[in-house]
Amino acid sequence: MISSAHNVAAQGKYIAIASTTVETKEPEKEIRPALELLEPIEQKFVSISDLLVPKDLGTESQIFISRTYDATTHFETTCDDIKDIYKRMMGSEFDFEEMKRKKNDIYGED
């Protein structure tokens, strides 16, 4: 949930996201418990999107395609997908520690 503190909603108003991976033929019913916690709801938008995945790893074609966004709201799985694409492209995992060292070299920060 976000609010005017994030400069995205009017004072006293909130924007909330309730999401899930659809498991039944009544997806809105699946999020009903979350919606009840948010009441009263002034305006609601419902959308359902297919989850798509690439047909191959891209290692032969050198065409690397990401998965579509899923129900996570903070892009956890998207970040995992990006790291996986990097590994398939480069043959090794991204070295975040190396980036920290470079930042320290450039900006003198720890």
PDB file of N, CA and C in Angstrom:
ATOM      1  N   MET A   1       0.843  -1.156   0.000  1.00  0.00           N
ATOM      2  CA  MET A   1       0.000   0.000   0.000  1.00  0.00           C
ATOM      3  C   MET A   1       0.900   1.234   0.000  1.00  0.00           C
ATOM      4  N   ILE A   2       0.529   2.218  -0.793  1.00  0.00           N
ATOM      5  CA  ILE A   2       1.263   3.474  -0.864  1.00  0.00           C
ATOM      6  C   ILE A   2       0.291   4.630  -0.660  1.00  0.00           C
ATOM      7  N   SER A   3       0.823   5.810  -0.343  1.00  0.00           N
ATOM      8  CA  SER A   3      -0.046   6.922   0.024  1.00  0.00           C
ATOM      9  C   SER A   3       0.539   8.254  -0.427  1.00  0.00           C
ATOM     10  N   SER A   4       0.009   9.317   0.150  1.00  0.00           N
ATOM     11  CA  SER A   4       0.521  10.657  -0.161  1.00  0.00           C
ATOM     12  C   SER A   4       1.970  10.808   0.292  1.00  0.00           C
ATOM     13  N   ALA A   5       2.392  10.009   1.271  1.00  0.00           N
ATOM     14  CA  ALA A   5       3.784  10.050   1.718  1.00  0.00           C
ATOM     15  C   ALA A   5       4.735   9.691   0.577  1.00  0.00           C
ATOM     16  N   HIS A   6       4.231   8.941  -0.400  1.00  0.00           N
ATOM     17  CA  HIS A   6       5.031   8.533  -1.561  1.00  0.00           C
ATOM     18  C   HIS A   6       4.776   9.452  -2.761  1.00  0.00           C
ATOM     19  N   ASN A   7       3.947  10.478  -2.552  1.00  0.00           N
ATOM     20  CA  ASN A   7       3.583  11.434  -3.609  1.00  0.00           C
ATOM     21  C   ASN A   7       2.878  10.773  -4.788  1.00  0.00           C
ATOM     22  N   VAL A   8       2.027   9.789  -4.488  1.00  0.00           N
ATOM     23  CA  VAL A   8       1.290   9.109  -5.548  1.00  0.00           C
ATOM     24  C   VAL A   8      -0.220   9.122  -5.332  1.00  0.00           C
ATOM     25  N   ALA A   9      -0.657   9.630  -4.190  1.00  0.00           N
ATOM     26  CA  ALA A   9      -2.088   9.662  -3.873  1.00  0.00           C
ATOM     27  C   ALA A   9      -2.392  10.961  -3.136  1.00  0.00           C
ATOM     28  N   ALA A  10      -3.652  11.383  -3.199  1.00  0.00           N
ATOM     29  CA  ALA A  10      -4.075  12.576  -2.471  1.00  0.00           C
ATOM     30  C   ALA A  10      -3.999  12.330  -0.972  1.00  0.00           C
ATOM     31  N   GLN A  11      -3.878  13.404  -0.215  1.00  0.00           N
ATOM     32  CA  GLN A  11      -3.842  13.298   1.250  1.00  0.00           C
ATOM     33  C   GLN A  11      -5.050  12.508   1.742  1.00  0.00           C
ATOM     34  N   GLY A  12      -4.826  11.539   2.602  1.00  0.00           N
ATOM     35  CA  GLY A  12      -5.907  10.729   3.154  1.00  0.00           C
ATOM     36  C   GLY A  12      -6.364   9.586   2.262  1.00  0.00           C
ATOM     37  N   LYS A  13      -5.740   9.429   1.105  1.00  0.00           N
ATOM     38  CA  LYS A  13      -6.084   8.346   0.170  1.00  0.00           C
ATOM     39  C   LYS A  13      -4.906   7.383   0.065  1.00  0.00           C
ATOM     40  N   TYR A  14      -5.206   6.152  -0.289  1.00  0.00           N
ATOM     41  CA  TYR A  14      -4.185   5.120  -0.406  1.00  0.00           C
ATOM     42  C   TYR A  14      -4.380   4.345  -1.696  1.00  0.00           C
ATOM     43  N   ILE A  15      -3.302   3.836  -2.223  1.00  0.00           N
ATOM     44  CA  ILE A  15      -3.342   2.955  -3.377  1.00  0.00           C
ATOM     45  C   ILE A  15      -2.797   1.614  -2.907  1.00  0.00           C
ATOM     46  N   ALA A  16      -3.567   0.565  -3.107  1.00  0.00           N
ATOM     47  CA  ALA A  16      -3.154  -0.766  -2.666  1.00  0.00           C
ATOM     48  C   ALA A  16      -3.196  -1.733  -3.840  1.00  0.00           C
ATOM     49  N   ILE A  17      -2.319  -2.704  -3.783  1.00  0.00           N
ATOM     50  CA  ILE A  17      -2.280  -3.746  -4.803  1.00  0.00           C
ATOM     51  C   ILE A  17      -2.514  -5.083  -4.108  1.00  0.00           C
ATOM     52  N   ALA A  18      -3.473  -5.817  -4.590  1.00  0.00           N
ATOM     53  CA  ALA A  18      -3.710  -7.184  -4.110  1.00  0.00           C
ATOM     54  C   ALA A  18      -3.527  -8.083  -5.320  1.00  0.00           C
ATOM     55  N   SER A  19      -2.579  -8.984  -5.251  1.00  0.00           N
ATOM     56  CA  SER A  19      -2.310  -9.828  -6.415  1.00  0.00           C
ATOM     57  C   SER A  19      -2.055 -11.259  -5.990  1.00  0.00           C
ATOM     58  N   THR A  20      -2.281 -12.153  -6.925  1.00  0.00           N
ATOM     59  CA  THR A  20      -2.051 -13.569  -6.691  1.00  0.00           C
ATOM     60  C   THR A  20      -1.891 -14.275  -8.028  1.00  0.00           C
ATOM     61  N   THR A  21      -1.420 -15.475  -7.989  1.00  0.00           N
ATOM     62  CA  THR A  21      -1.410 -16.320  -9.177  1.00  0.00           C
ATOM     63  C   THR A  21      -2.763 -17.028  -9.217  1.00  0.00           C
ATOM     64  N   VAL A  22      -3.454 -16.906 -10.316  1.00  0.00           N
ATOM     65  CA  VAL A  22      -4.808 -17.453 -10.456  1.00  0.00           C
ATOM     66  C   VAL A  22      -4.780 -18.976 -10.352  1.00  0.00           C
ATOM     67  N   GLU A  23      -5.661 -19.493  -9.518  1.00  0.00           N
ATOM     68  CA  GLU A  23      -5.740 -20.940  -9.336  1.00  0.00           C
ATOM     69  C   GLU A  23      -7.122 -21.503  -9.616  1.00  0.00           C
ATOM     70  N   THR A  24      -8.124 -20.628  -9.786  1.00  0.00           N
ATOM     71  CA  THR A  24      -9.490 -21.087 -10.022  1.00  0.00           C
ATOM     72  C   THR A  24     -10.088 -20.327 -11.206  1.00  0.00           C
ATOM     73  N   LYS A  25     -11.328 -20.647 -11.520  1.00  0.00           N
ATOM     74  CA  LYS A  25     -12.030 -19.947 -12.600  1.00  0.00           C
ATOM     75  C   LYS A  25     -12.652 -18.637 -12.110  1.00  0.00           C
ATOM     76  N   GLU A  26     -12.478 -18.320 -10.804  1.00  0.00           N
ATOM     77  CA  GLU A  26     -13.001 -17.087 -10.228  1.00  0.00           C
ATOM     78  C   GLU A  26     -11.874 -16.311  -9.543  1.00  0.00           C
ATOM     79  N   PRO A  27     -10.989 -15.720 -10.340  1.00  0.00           N
ATOM     80  CA  PRO A  27      -9.794 -15.082  -9.768  1.00  0.00           C
ATOM     81  C   PRO A  27     -10.100 -13.936  -8.804  1.00  0.00           C
ATOM     82  N   GLU A  28     -11.128 -13.156  -9.067  1.00  0.00           N
ATOM     83  CA  GLU A  28     -11.429 -12.045  -8.158  1.00  0.00           C
ATOM     84  C   GLU A  28     -11.872 -12.562  -6.785  1.00  0.00           C
ATOM     85  N   LYS A  29     -12.512 -13.697  -6.783  1.00  0.00           N
ATOM     86  CA  LYS A  29     -12.924 -14.312  -5.525  1.00  0.00           C
ATOM     87  C   LYS A  29     -11.700 -14.735  -4.706  1.00  0.00           C
ATOM     88  N   GLU A  30     -10.620 -15.079  -5.380  1.00  0.00           N
ATOM     89  CA  GLU A  30      -9.397 -15.503  -4.706  1.00  0.00           C
ATOM     90  C   GLU A  30      -8.773 -14.378  -3.880  1.00  0.00           C
ATOM     91  N   ILE A  31      -8.931 -13.137  -4.323  1.00  0.00           N
ATOM     92  CA  ILE A  31      -8.356 -12.015  -3.590  1.00  0.00           C
ATOM     93  C   ILE A  31      -9.384 -11.313  -2.697  1.00  0.00           C
ATOM     94  N   ARG A  32     -10.580 -11.860  -2.629  1.00  0.00           N
ATOM     95  CA  ARG A  32     -11.644 -11.256  -1.826  1.00  0.00           C
ATOM     96  C   ARG A  32     -11.234 -10.997  -0.371  1.00  0.00           C
ATOM     97  N   PRO A  33     -10.566 -11.923   0.317  1.00  0.00           N
ATOM     98  CA  PRO A  33     -10.144 -11.637   1.699  1.00  0.00           C
ATOM     99  C   PRO A  33      -9.262 -10.388   1.806  1.00  0.00           C
ATOM    100  N   ALA A  34      -8.377 -10.192   0.839  1.00  0.00           N
ATOM    101  CA  ALA A  34      -7.521  -9.000   0.838  1.00  0.00           C
ATOM    102  C   ALA A  34      -8.351  -7.748   0.588  1.00  0.00           C
ATOM    103  N   LEU A  35      -9.283  -7.831  -0.346  1.00  0.00           N
ATOM    104  CA  LEU A  35     -10.124  -6.674  -0.646  1.00  0.00           C
ATOM    105  C   LEU A  35     -10.981  -6.282   0.548  1.00  0.00           C
ATOM    106  N   GLU A  36     -11.456  -7.263   1.288  1.00  0.00           N
ATOM    107  CA  GLU A  36     -12.261  -6.972   2.477  1.00  0.00           C
ATOM    108  C   GLU A  36     -11.454  -6.200   3.513  1.00  0.00           C
ATOM    109  N   LEU A  37     -10.179  -6.498   3.638  1.00  0.00           N
ATOM    110  CA  LEU A  37      -9.325  -5.766   4.570  1.00  0.00           C
ATOM    111  C   LEU A  37      -9.130  -4.314   4.141  1.00  0.00           C
ATOM    112  N   LEU A  38      -9.264  -4.041   2.855  1.00  0.00           N
ATOM    113  CA  LEU A  38      -9.030  -2.704   2.317  1.00  0.00           C
ATOM    114  C   LEU A  38     -10.288  -1.832   2.286  1.00  0.00           C
ATOM    115  N   GLU A  39     -11.432  -2.400   2.576  1.00  0.00           N
ATOM    116  CA  GLU A  39     -12.681  -1.631   2.487  1.00  0.00           C
ATOM    117  C   GLU A  39     -12.689  -0.463   3.453  1.00  0.00           C
ATOM    118  N   PRO A  40     -13.350   0.644   3.116  1.00  0.00           N
ATOM    119  CA  PRO A  40     -14.112   0.831   1.885  1.00  0.00           C
ATOM    120  C   PRO A  40     -13.192   1.155   0.699  1.00  0.00           C
ATOM    121  N   ILE A  41     -13.517   0.578  -0.433  1.00  0.00           N
ATOM    122  CA  ILE A  41     -12.755   0.789  -1.665  1.00  0.00           C
ATOM    123  C   ILE A  41     -13.515   1.781  -2.529  1.00  0.00           C
ATOM    124  N   GLU A  42     -12.842   2.870  -2.869  1.00  0.00           N
ATOM    125  CA  GLU A  42     -13.459   3.916  -3.684  1.00  0.00           C
ATOM    126  C   GLU A  42     -13.491   3.547  -5.157  1.00  0.00           C
ATOM    127  N   GLN A  43     -12.401   2.984  -5.634  1.00  0.00           N
ATOM    128  CA  GLN A  43     -12.305   2.614  -7.045  1.00  0.00           C
ATOM    129  C   GLN A  43     -11.414   1.382  -7.149  1.00  0.00           C
ATOM    130  N   LYS A  44     -11.784   0.448  -8.019  1.00  0.00           N
ATOM    131  CA  LYS A  44     -11.045  -0.812  -8.126  1.00  0.00           C
ATOM    132  C   LYS A  44     -10.809  -1.135  -9.599  1.00  0.00           C
ATOM    133  N   PHE A  45      -9.628  -1.613  -9.890  1.00  0.00           N
ATOM    134  CA  PHE A  45      -9.273  -2.060 -11.236  1.00  0.00           C
ATOM    135  C   PHE A  45      -8.842  -3.513 -11.129  1.00  0.00           C
ATOM    136  N   VAL A  46      -9.382  -4.359 -11.961  1.00  0.00           N
ATOM    137  CA  VAL A  46      -9.036  -5.776 -11.955  1.00  0.00           C
ATOM    138  C   VAL A  46      -8.457  -6.126 -13.321  1.00  0.00           C
ATOM    139  N   SER A  47      -7.311  -6.769 -13.312  1.00  0.00           N
ATOM    140  CA  SER A  47      -6.744  -7.238 -14.577  1.00  0.00           C
ATOM    141  C   SER A  47      -6.121  -8.612 -14.352  1.00  0.00           C
ATOM    142  N   ILE A  48      -6.179  -9.415 -15.386  1.00  0.00           N
ATOM    143  CA  ILE A  48      -5.611 -10.759 -15.349  1.00  0.00           C
ATOM    144  C   ILE A  48      -4.690 -10.882 -16.552  1.00  0.00           C
ATOM    145  N   SER A  49      -3.465 -11.314 -16.291  1.00  0.00           N
ATOM    146  CA  SER A  49      -2.476 -11.455 -17.357  1.00  0.00           C
ATOM    147  C   SER A  49      -1.907 -12.853 -17.348  1.00  0.00           C
ATOM    148  N   ASP A  50      -1.639 -13.362 -18.528  1.00  0.00           N
ATOM    149  CA  ASP A  50      -0.997 -14.663 -18.642  1.00  0.00           C
ATOM    150  C   ASP A  50       0.463 -14.558 -18.223  1.00  0.00           C
ATOM    151  N   LEU A  51       0.976 -15.614 -17.637  1.00  0.00           N
ATOM    152  CA  LEU A  51       2.400 -15.704 -17.337  1.00  0.00           C
ATOM    153  C   LEU A  51       3.069 -16.419 -18.504  1.00  0.00           C
ATOM    154  N   LEU A  52       3.992 -15.749 -19.132  1.00  0.00           N
ATOM    155  CA  LEU A  52       4.680 -16.322 -20.286  1.00  0.00           C
ATOM    156  C   LEU A  52       6.138 -16.594 -19.928  1.00  0.00           C
ATOM    157  N   VAL A  53       6.669 -17.652 -20.486  1.00  0.00           N
ATOM    158  CA  VAL A  53       8.072 -18.011 -20.266  1.00  0.00           C
ATOM    159  C   VAL A  53       8.722 -18.258 -21.621  1.00  0.00           C
ATOM    160  N   PRO A  54      10.022 -18.007 -21.714  1.00  0.00           N
ATOM    161  CA  PRO A  54      10.698 -18.260 -22.991  1.00  0.00           C
ATOM    162  C   PRO A  54      10.694 -19.755 -23.320  1.00  0.00           C
ATOM    163  N   LYS A  55      10.749 -20.061 -24.609  1.00  0.00           N
ATOM    164  CA  LYS A  55      10.716 -21.455 -25.058  1.00  0.00           C
ATOM    165  C   LYS A  55      12.072 -22.142 -24.945  1.00  0.00           C
ATOM    166  N   ASP A  56      13.141 -21.360 -24.907  1.00  0.00           N
ATOM    167  CA  ASP A  56      14.467 -21.959 -24.746  1.00  0.00           C
ATOM    168  C   ASP A  56      15.335 -21.045 -23.896  1.00  0.00           C
ATOM    169  N   LEU A  57      16.499 -21.520 -23.523  1.00  0.00           N
ATOM    170  CA  LEU A  57      17.391 -20.770 -22.639  1.00  0.00           C
ATOM    171  C   LEU A  57      18.120 -19.628 -23.333  1.00  0.00           C
ATOM    172  N   GLY A  58      18.163 -19.654 -24.676  1.00  0.00           N
ATOM    173  CA  GLY A  58      18.829 -18.598 -25.422  1.00  0.00           C
ATOM    174  C   GLY A  58      20.320 -18.805 -25.600  1.00  0.00           C
ATOM    175  N   THR A  59      20.855 -19.858 -25.029  1.00  0.00           N
ATOM    176  CA  THR A  59      22.303 -20.063 -25.112  1.00  0.00           C
ATOM    177  C   THR A  59      22.771 -20.360 -26.533  1.00  0.00           C
ATOM    178  N   GLU A  60      21.938 -21.038 -27.322  1.00  0.00           N
ATOM    179  CA  GLU A  60      22.320 -21.321 -28.717  1.00  0.00           C
ATOM    180  C   GLU A  60      22.022 -20.137 -29.622  1.00  0.00           C
ATOM    181  N   SER A  61      20.829 -19.576 -29.520  1.00  0.00           N
ATOM    182  CA  SER A  61      20.420 -18.480 -30.406  1.00  0.00           C
ATOM    183  C   SER A  61      21.007 -17.141 -29.991  1.00  0.00           C
ATOM    184  N   GLN A  62      21.465 -17.052 -28.728  1.00  0.00           N
ATOM    185  CA  GLN A  62      21.944 -15.800 -28.145  1.00  0.00           C
ATOM    186  C   GLN A  62      20.831 -14.737 -28.079  1.00  0.00           C
ATOM    187  N   ILE A  63      19.597 -15.225 -28.034  1.00  0.00           N
ATOM    188  CA  ILE A  63      18.435 -14.350 -27.822  1.00  0.00           C
ATOM    189  C   ILE A  63      17.874 -14.730 -26.457  1.00  0.00           C
ATOM    190  N   PHE A  64      18.008 -13.822 -25.527  1.00  0.00           N
ATOM    191  CA  PHE A  64      17.618 -14.080 -24.148  1.00  0.00           C
ATOM    192  C   PHE A  64      16.342 -13.313 -23.833  1.00  0.00           C
ATOM    193  N   ILE A  65      15.305 -14.034 -23.510  1.00  0.00           N
ATOM    194  CA  ILE A  65      13.991 -13.440 -23.271  1.00  0.00           C
ATOM    195  C   ILE A  65      13.613 -13.651 -21.815  1.00  0.00           C
ATOM    196  N   SER A  66      13.110 -12.605 -21.194  1.00  0.00           N
ATOM    197  CA  SER A  66      12.706 -12.710 -19.792  1.00  0.00           C
ATOM    198  C   SER A  66      11.298 -13.283 -19.677  1.00  0.00           C
ATOM    199  N   ARG A  67      10.964 -13.690 -18.477  1.00  0.00           N
ATOM    200  CA  ARG A  67       9.597 -14.132 -18.177  1.00  0.00           C
ATOM    201  C   ARG A  67       8.732 -12.890 -17.986  1.00  0.00           C
ATOM    202  N   THR A  68       7.427 -13.063 -18.036  1.00  0.00           N
ATOM    203  CA  THR A  68       6.547 -11.938 -17.747  1.00  0.00           C
ATOM    204  C   THR A  68       6.476 -11.736 -16.238  1.00  0.00           C
ATOM    205  N   TYR A  69       6.025 -10.556 -15.836  1.00  0.00           N
ATOM    206  CA  TYR A  69       5.865 -10.260 -14.407  1.00  0.00           C
ATOM    207  C   TYR A  69       4.828 -11.188 -13.798  1.00  0.00           C
ATOM    208  N   ASP A  70       5.045 -11.543 -12.545  1.00  0.00           N
ATOM    209  CA  ASP A  70       4.086 -12.399 -11.851  1.00  0.00           C
ATOM    210  C   ASP A  70       3.394 -11.606 -10.739  1.00  0.00           C
ATOM    211  N   ALA A  71       2.812 -12.298  -9.783  1.00  0.00           N
ATOM    212  CA  ALA A  71       2.001 -11.657  -8.749  1.00  0.00           C
ATOM    213  C   ALA A  71       2.813 -10.934  -7.680  1.00  0.00           C
ATOM    214  N   THR A  72       4.129 -11.096  -7.656  1.00  0.00           N
ATOM    215  CA  THR A  72       4.916 -10.397  -6.643  1.00  0.00           C
ATOM    216  C   THR A  72       4.933  -8.907  -6.953  1.00  0.00           C
ATOM    217  N   THR A  73       4.811  -8.098  -5.919  1.00  0.00           N
ATOM    218  CA  THR A  73       4.694  -6.658  -6.141  1.00  0.00           C
ATOM    219  C   THR A  73       6.000  -5.898  -5.986  1.00  0.00           C
ATOM    220  N   HIS A  74       7.038  -6.550  -5.516  1.00  0.00           N
ATOM    221  CA  HIS A  74       8.305  -5.860  -5.339  1.00  0.00           C
ATOM    222  C   HIS A  74       9.381  -6.418  -6.267  1.00  0.00           C
ATOM    223  N   PHE A  75       8.950  -7.092  -7.317  1.00  0.00           N
ATOM    224  CA  PHE A  75       9.824  -7.562  -8.395  1.00  0.00           C
ATOM    225  C   PHE A  75      10.887  -8.566  -7.950  1.00  0.00           C
ATOM    226  N   GLU A  76      10.595  -9.320  -6.870  1.00  0.00           N
ATOM    227  CA  GLU A  76      11.558 -10.318  -6.415  1.00  0.00           C
ATOM    228  C   GLU A  76      11.875 -11.333  -7.509  1.00  0.00           C
ATOM    229  N   THR A  77      10.840 -11.903  -8.111  1.00  0.00           N
ATOM    230  CA  THR A  77      11.079 -12.928  -9.123  1.00  0.00           C
ATOM    231  C   THR A  77      11.648 -12.322 -10.401  1.00  0.00           C
ATOM    232  N   THR A  78      11.318 -11.077 -10.678  1.00  0.00           N
ATOM    233  CA  THR A  78      11.893 -10.414 -11.845  1.00  0.00           C
ATOM    234  C   THR A  78      13.393 -10.239 -11.662  1.00  0.00           C
ATOM    235  N   CYS A  79      13.816  -9.865 -10.470  1.00  0.00           N
ATOM    236  CA  CYS A  79      15.251  -9.743 -10.188  1.00  0.00           C
ATOM    237  C   CYS A  79      15.948 -11.093 -10.316  1.00  0.00           C
ATOM    238  N   ASP A  80      15.308 -12.151  -9.835  1.00  0.00           N
ATOM    239  CA  ASP A  80      15.876 -13.494  -9.991  1.00  0.00           C
ATOM    240  C   ASP A  80      15.998 -13.855 -11.468  1.00  0.00           C
ATOM    241  N   ASP A  81      15.004 -13.487 -12.260  1.00  0.00           N
ATOM    242  CA  ASP A  81      15.021 -13.764 -13.696  1.00  0.00           C
ATOM    243  C   ASP A  81      16.181 -13.016 -14.369  1.00  0.00           C
ATOM    244  N   ILE A  82      16.382 -11.774 -13.986  1.00  0.00           N
ATOM    245  CA  ILE A  82      17.478 -10.983 -14.566  1.00  0.00           C
ATOM    246  C   ILE A  82      18.822 -11.621 -14.233  1.00  0.00           C
ATOM    247  N   LYS A  83      18.982 -12.053 -12.978  1.00  0.00           N
ATOM    248  CA  LYS A  83      20.237 -12.713 -12.587  1.00  0.00           C
ATOM    249  C   LYS A  83      20.427 -14.013 -13.367  1.00  0.00           C
ATOM    250  N   ASP A  84      19.339 -14.742 -13.603  1.00  0.00           N
ATOM    251  CA  ASP A  84      19.422 -15.979 -14.371  1.00  0.00           C
ATOM    252  C   ASP A  84      19.800 -15.708 -15.825  1.00  0.00           C
ATOM    253  N   ILE A  85      19.226 -14.677 -16.419  1.00  0.00           N
ATOM    254  CA  ILE A  85      19.583 -14.311 -17.793  1.00  0.00           C
ATOM    255  C   ILE A  85      21.062 -13.945 -17.865  1.00  0.00           C
ATOM    256  N   TYR A  86      21.528 -13.168 -16.915  1.00  0.00           N
ATOM    257  CA  TYR A  86      22.946 -12.797 -16.882  1.00  0.00           C
ATOM    258  C   TYR A  86      23.833 -14.042 -16.849  1.00  0.00           C
ATOM    259  N   LYS A  87      23.489 -14.995 -15.986  1.00  0.00           N
ATOM    260  CA  LYS A  87      24.289 -16.211 -15.858  1.00  0.00           C
ATOM    261  C   LYS A  87      24.309 -16.998 -17.166  1.00  0.00           C
ATOM    262  N   ARG A  88      23.142 -17.080 -17.833  1.00  0.00           N
ATOM    263  CA  ARG A  88      23.100 -17.802 -19.110  1.00  0.00           C
ATOM    264  C   ARG A  88      23.895 -17.068 -20.175  1.00  0.00           C
ATOM    265  N   MET A  89      23.892 -15.746 -20.143  1.00  0.00           N
ATOM    266  CA  MET A  89      24.634 -14.963 -21.133  1.00  0.00           C
ATOM    267  C   MET A  89      26.142 -15.012 -20.902  1.00  0.00           C
ATOM    268  N   MET A  90      26.545 -14.866 -19.653  1.00  0.00           N
ATOM    269  CA  MET A  90      27.952 -14.703 -19.332  1.00  0.00           C
ATOM    270  C   MET A  90      28.647 -15.995 -18.887  1.00  0.00           C
ATOM    271  N   GLY A  91      27.854 -17.002 -18.509  1.00  0.00           N
ATOM    272  CA  GLY A  91      28.439 -18.262 -18.064  1.00  0.00           C
ATOM    273  C   GLY A  91      28.818 -18.278 -16.597  1.00  0.00           C
ATOM    274  N   SER A  92      28.570 -17.176 -15.899  1.00  0.00           N
ATOM    275  CA  SER A  92      28.855 -17.118 -14.458  1.00  0.00           C
ATOM    276  C   SER A  92      27.868 -16.143 -13.810  1.00  0.00           C
ATOM    277  N   GLU A  93      27.745 -16.274 -12.501  1.00  0.00           N
ATOM    278  CA  GLU A  93      26.819 -15.395 -11.790  1.00  0.00           C
ATOM    279  C   GLU A  93      27.394 -13.989 -11.701  1.00  0.00           C
ATOM    280  N   PHE A  94      26.511 -13.008 -11.609  1.00  0.00           N
ATOM    281  CA  PHE A  94      26.926 -11.621 -11.449  1.00  0.00           C
ATOM    282  C   PHE A  94      27.585 -11.457 -10.083  1.00  0.00           C
ATOM    283  N   ASP A  95      28.708 -10.776 -10.039  1.00  0.00           N
ATOM    284  CA  ASP A  95      29.465 -10.597  -8.808  1.00  0.00           C
ATOM    285  C   ASP A  95      29.111  -9.243  -8.182  1.00  0.00           C
ATOM    286  N   PHE A  96      28.167  -9.272  -7.271  1.00  0.00           N
ATOM    287  CA  PHE A  96      27.745  -8.034  -6.615  1.00  0.00           C
ATOM    288  C   PHE A  96      28.853  -7.459  -5.740  1.00  0.00           C
ATOM    289  N   GLU A  97      29.686  -8.328  -5.175  1.00  0.00           N
ATOM    290  CA  GLU A  97      30.802  -7.859  -4.346  1.00  0.00           C
ATOM    291  C   GLU A  97      31.785  -7.044  -5.178  1.00  0.00           C
ATOM    292  N   GLU A  98      31.993  -7.449  -6.422  1.00  0.00           N
ATOM    293  CA  GLU A  98      32.883  -6.710  -7.318  1.00  0.00           C
ATOM    294  C   GLU A  98      32.331  -5.307  -7.572  1.00  0.00           C
ATOM    295  N   MET A  99      31.020  -5.203  -7.707  1.00  0.00           N
ATOM    296  CA  MET A  99      30.402  -3.891  -7.906  1.00  0.00           C
ATOM    297  C   MET A  99      30.596  -3.009  -6.682  1.00  0.00           C
ATOM    298  N   LYS A 100      30.516  -3.596  -5.493  1.00  0.00           N
ATOM    299  CA  LYS A 100      30.748  -2.830  -4.262  1.00  0.00           C
ATOM    300  C   LYS A 100      32.173  -2.299  -4.238  1.00  0.00           C
ATOM    301  N   ARG A 101      33.122  -3.150  -4.671  1.00  0.00           N
ATOM    302  CA  ARG A 101      34.516  -2.714  -4.693  1.00  0.00           C
ATOM    303  C   ARG A 101      34.705  -1.579  -5.690  1.00  0.00           C
ATOM    304  N   LYS A 102      34.089  -1.673  -6.858  1.00  0.00           N
ATOM    305  CA  LYS A 102      34.216  -0.616  -7.857  1.00  0.00           C
ATOM    306  C   LYS A 102      33.618   0.684  -7.342  1.00  0.00           C
ATOM    307  N   LYS A 103      32.480   0.598  -6.669  1.00  0.00           N
ATOM    308  CA  LYS A 103      31.840   1.792  -6.108  1.00  0.00           C
ATOM    309  C   LYS A 103      32.783   2.438  -5.097  1.00  0.00           C
ATOM    310  N   ASN A 104      33.416   1.619  -4.287  1.00  0.00           N
ATOM    311  CA  ASN A 104      34.356   2.133  -3.296  1.00  0.00           C
ATOM    312  C   ASN A 104      35.547   2.803  -3.984  1.00  0.00           C
ATOM    313  N   ASP A 105      36.042   2.207  -5.058  1.00  0.00           N
ATOM    314  CA  ASP A 105      37.160   2.782  -5.801  1.00  0.00           C
ATOM    315  C   ASP A 105      36.783   4.131  -6.397  1.00  0.00           C
ATOM    316  N   ILE A 106      35.564   4.237  -6.896  1.00  0.00           N
ATOM    317  CA  ILE A 106      35.125   5.457  -7.578  1.00  0.00           C
ATOM    318  C   ILE A 106      34.722   6.536  -6.591  1.00  0.00           C
ATOM    319  N   TYR A 107      33.883   6.158  -5.607  1.00  0.00           N
ATOM    320  CA  TYR A 107      33.299   7.143  -4.699  1.00  0.00           C
ATOM    321  C   TYR A 107      33.920   7.162  -3.312  1.00  0.00           C
ATOM    322  N   GLY A 108      34.830   6.235  -3.021  1.00  0.00           N
ATOM    323  CA  GLY A 108      35.450   6.183  -1.715  1.00  0.00           C
ATOM    324  C   GLY A 108      34.504   5.772  -0.609  1.00  0.00           C
ATOM    325  N   GLU A 109      33.456   4.997  -0.982  1.00  0.00           N
ATOM    326  CA  GLU A 109      32.466   4.557   0.003  1.00  0.00           C
ATOM    327  C   GLU A 109      32.700   3.094   0.339  1.00  0.00           C
ATOM    328  N   ASP A 110      32.249   2.700   1.519  1.00  0.00           N
ATOM    329  CA  ASP A 110      32.292   1.285   1.890  1.00  0.00           C
ATOM    330  C   ASP A 110      30.986   0.621   1.561  1.00  0.00           C
TER     331      ASP A 110
END
